[in-house]
Every structure is written in C-alpha cells, then in structure tokens.
Amino acid sequence: MKQDYTSVTNIFIICGKTDMRKGIDGLATLIQDSFELDPYGDPIFLFAGSSKDRYKYLYFDGGNGVDFYEYIKKLFTDLPNQGIQQNPKILDQYMPCSKKIRAECSK
C-alpha cells in the first residue's frame, strides 16, 4: 500500500545503531523516552541498524480515518458469517485501507 507523505513537515534521522529487533512499540518507546518526541504525531523517524543495509522507519498515518473500536466491532460481527475459509479473498474487503471499511467505520 502506498502512503502519501506530502503533508509530512519533519523527518528525524536517529543517529547511532538501533537494535533492529525492536518492533513498532519498542521504537515508539525509544522516541518518547530518549528524545521526548511524540511518535504519533506528524514526523517520520528513520533508524539504522549495525548493518549498513538495514533500515526502518516509523510513521503514524492516523489509521486512515478509521475508528478502531467500530472496525473491531465490524470484524467480530461480519466475519463469522462470511465463510472466509471457503473464500479467503473476502478478507481484502475488511482491511483497514479498503473503501468499504473506510466508509462504514470512519471517525
């Protein structure tokens, strides 16, 4: 899925070697604790590992305007009745970026 980064106003390059085993939560905690920045704001954060060919970035896209509670509620109400075992492509309609979910679960 492509992202639109044209509205980003800040890009932070985190200097030094970052433990690339850290997941999203670990990187967000690093940003909050070490740099006292908000990882859920507008900026993009770039991290490099000890290997020169390993990079990660962290960017909070705001959830595509989807209300998380409504999204989870919809998943638990709709999916048990959809027969996804026989037709797994149905799941594509229930991804947070799908038009159906954005229309029915928007904030």
Protein backbone atom coordinates (compact mmCIF):
# COMPACT_ATOMS: atom_id res chain seq x y z
CA MET A 1 0.00 0.00 0.00
CA LYS A 2 1.41 3.38 -0.97
CA GLN A 3 1.45 6.24 1.51
CA ASP A 4 1.14 9.95 0.81
CA TYR A 5 3.97 11.70 2.64
CA THR A 6 3.47 15.15 1.12
CA SER A 7 2.00 16.54 4.35
CA VAL A 8 4.97 15.48 6.49
CA THR A 9 6.79 18.52 7.85
CA ASN A 10 9.58 16.84 9.88
CA ILE A 11 11.88 13.88 9.28
CA PHE A 12 14.09 12.78 12.16
CA ILE A 13 17.15 10.62 11.48
CA ILE A 14 18.00 8.72 14.65
CA CYS A 15 21.80 8.63 14.78
CA GLY A 16 23.68 5.63 16.08
CA LYS A 17 22.91 1.96 15.83
CA THR A 18 19.36 0.89 16.64
CA ASP A 19 18.52 -2.65 17.71
CA MET A 20 16.58 -3.73 14.63
CA ARG A 21 14.85 -6.50 16.58
CA LYS A 22 12.64 -3.82 18.13
CA GLY A 23 9.12 -3.69 16.85
CA ILE A 24 6.85 -0.70 16.42
CA ASP A 25 6.15 -0.38 20.15
CA GLY A 26 9.85 -0.56 21.02
CA LEU A 27 10.76 2.13 18.51
CA ALA A 28 7.90 4.36 19.69
CA THR A 29 9.06 3.95 23.29
CA LEU A 30 12.64 4.82 22.25
CA ILE A 31 11.40 8.03 20.61
CA GLN A 32 9.35 9.01 23.67
CA ASP A 33 11.92 8.13 26.33
CA SER A 34 15.21 9.10 24.67
CA PHE A 35 14.18 12.07 22.56
CA GLU A 36 10.99 13.26 24.29
CA LEU A 37 9.17 13.42 20.96
CA ASP A 38 5.66 12.28 20.05
CA PRO A 39 5.87 9.20 17.77
CA TYR A 40 2.16 9.53 16.98
CA GLY A 41 2.43 12.98 15.50
CA ASP A 42 3.33 14.11 12.01
CA PRO A 43 7.07 13.28 11.71
CA ILE A 44 8.81 10.35 10.07
CA PHE A 45 11.54 8.70 12.16
CA LEU A 46 14.38 6.87 10.39
CA PHE A 47 16.50 4.23 12.14
CA ALA A 48 19.65 2.38 11.03
CA GLY A 49 20.98 -0.88 12.39
CA SER A 50 24.58 -2.04 12.72
CA SER A 51 24.45 -3.43 9.19
CA LYS A 52 24.58 -0.68 6.59
CA ASP A 53 21.82 -2.26 4.54
CA ARG A 54 19.15 -2.42 7.28
CA TYR A 55 16.81 0.50 7.87
CA LYS A 56 13.43 1.01 9.48
CA TYR A 57 11.10 3.94 9.56
CA LEU A 58 8.23 4.83 11.83
CA TYR A 59 5.32 6.95 10.67
CA PHE A 60 1.88 7.18 12.23
CA ASP A 61 -0.67 7.63 9.47
CA GLY A 62 -3.61 8.26 11.79
CA GLY A 63 -5.32 4.98 10.97
CA ASN A 64 -6.75 6.16 7.62
CA GLY A 65 -9.59 7.89 9.45
CA VAL A 66 -10.93 4.54 10.70
CA ASP A 67 -12.42 4.39 14.20
CA PHE A 68 -10.61 1.40 15.72
CA TYR A 69 -13.49 0.43 18.02
CA GLU A 70 -16.01 0.44 15.15
CA TYR A 71 -13.57 -1.51 12.97
CA ILE A 72 -13.09 -4.28 15.56
CA LYS A 73 -16.84 -4.40 16.21
CA LYS A 74 -17.47 -4.80 12.47
CA LEU A 75 -14.89 -7.60 12.20
CA PHE A 76 -16.44 -9.56 15.05
CA THR A 77 -19.97 -9.09 13.71
CA ASP A 78 -19.41 -9.66 9.98
CA LEU A 79 -16.57 -12.14 9.62
CA PRO A 80 -18.08 -15.16 11.42
CA ASN A 81 -20.90 -15.18 8.84
CA GLN A 82 -18.79 -14.63 5.71
CA GLY A 83 -17.40 -18.13 5.06
CA ILE A 84 -13.81 -16.92 4.84
CA GLN A 85 -12.47 -20.48 4.96
CA GLN A 86 -14.02 -21.17 1.55
CA ASN A 87 -13.25 -17.75 0.10
CA PRO A 88 -10.29 -16.01 1.81
CA LYS A 89 -10.38 -13.13 -0.70
CA ILE A 90 -13.32 -11.76 1.30
CA LEU A 91 -10.74 -10.59 3.86
CA ASP A 92 -9.47 -7.98 1.38
CA GLN A 93 -12.75 -6.11 1.84
CA TYR A 94 -12.13 -5.96 5.59
CA MET A 95 -8.63 -4.46 5.55
CA PRO A 96 -8.45 -1.02 7.25
CA CYS A 97 -7.47 0.60 3.94
CA SER A 98 -10.44 -0.79 1.98
CA LYS A 99 -13.13 1.58 0.74
CA LYS A 100 -15.83 -0.46 2.49
CA ILE A 101 -14.21 -0.18 5.93
CA ARG A 102 -13.29 3.47 5.49
CA ALA A 103 -16.91 4.25 4.58
CA GLU A 104 -18.54 2.20 7.35
CA CYS A 105 -16.09 2.77 10.21
CA SER A 106 -14.88 6.32 9.71
CA LYS A 107 -14.26 8.66 12.63
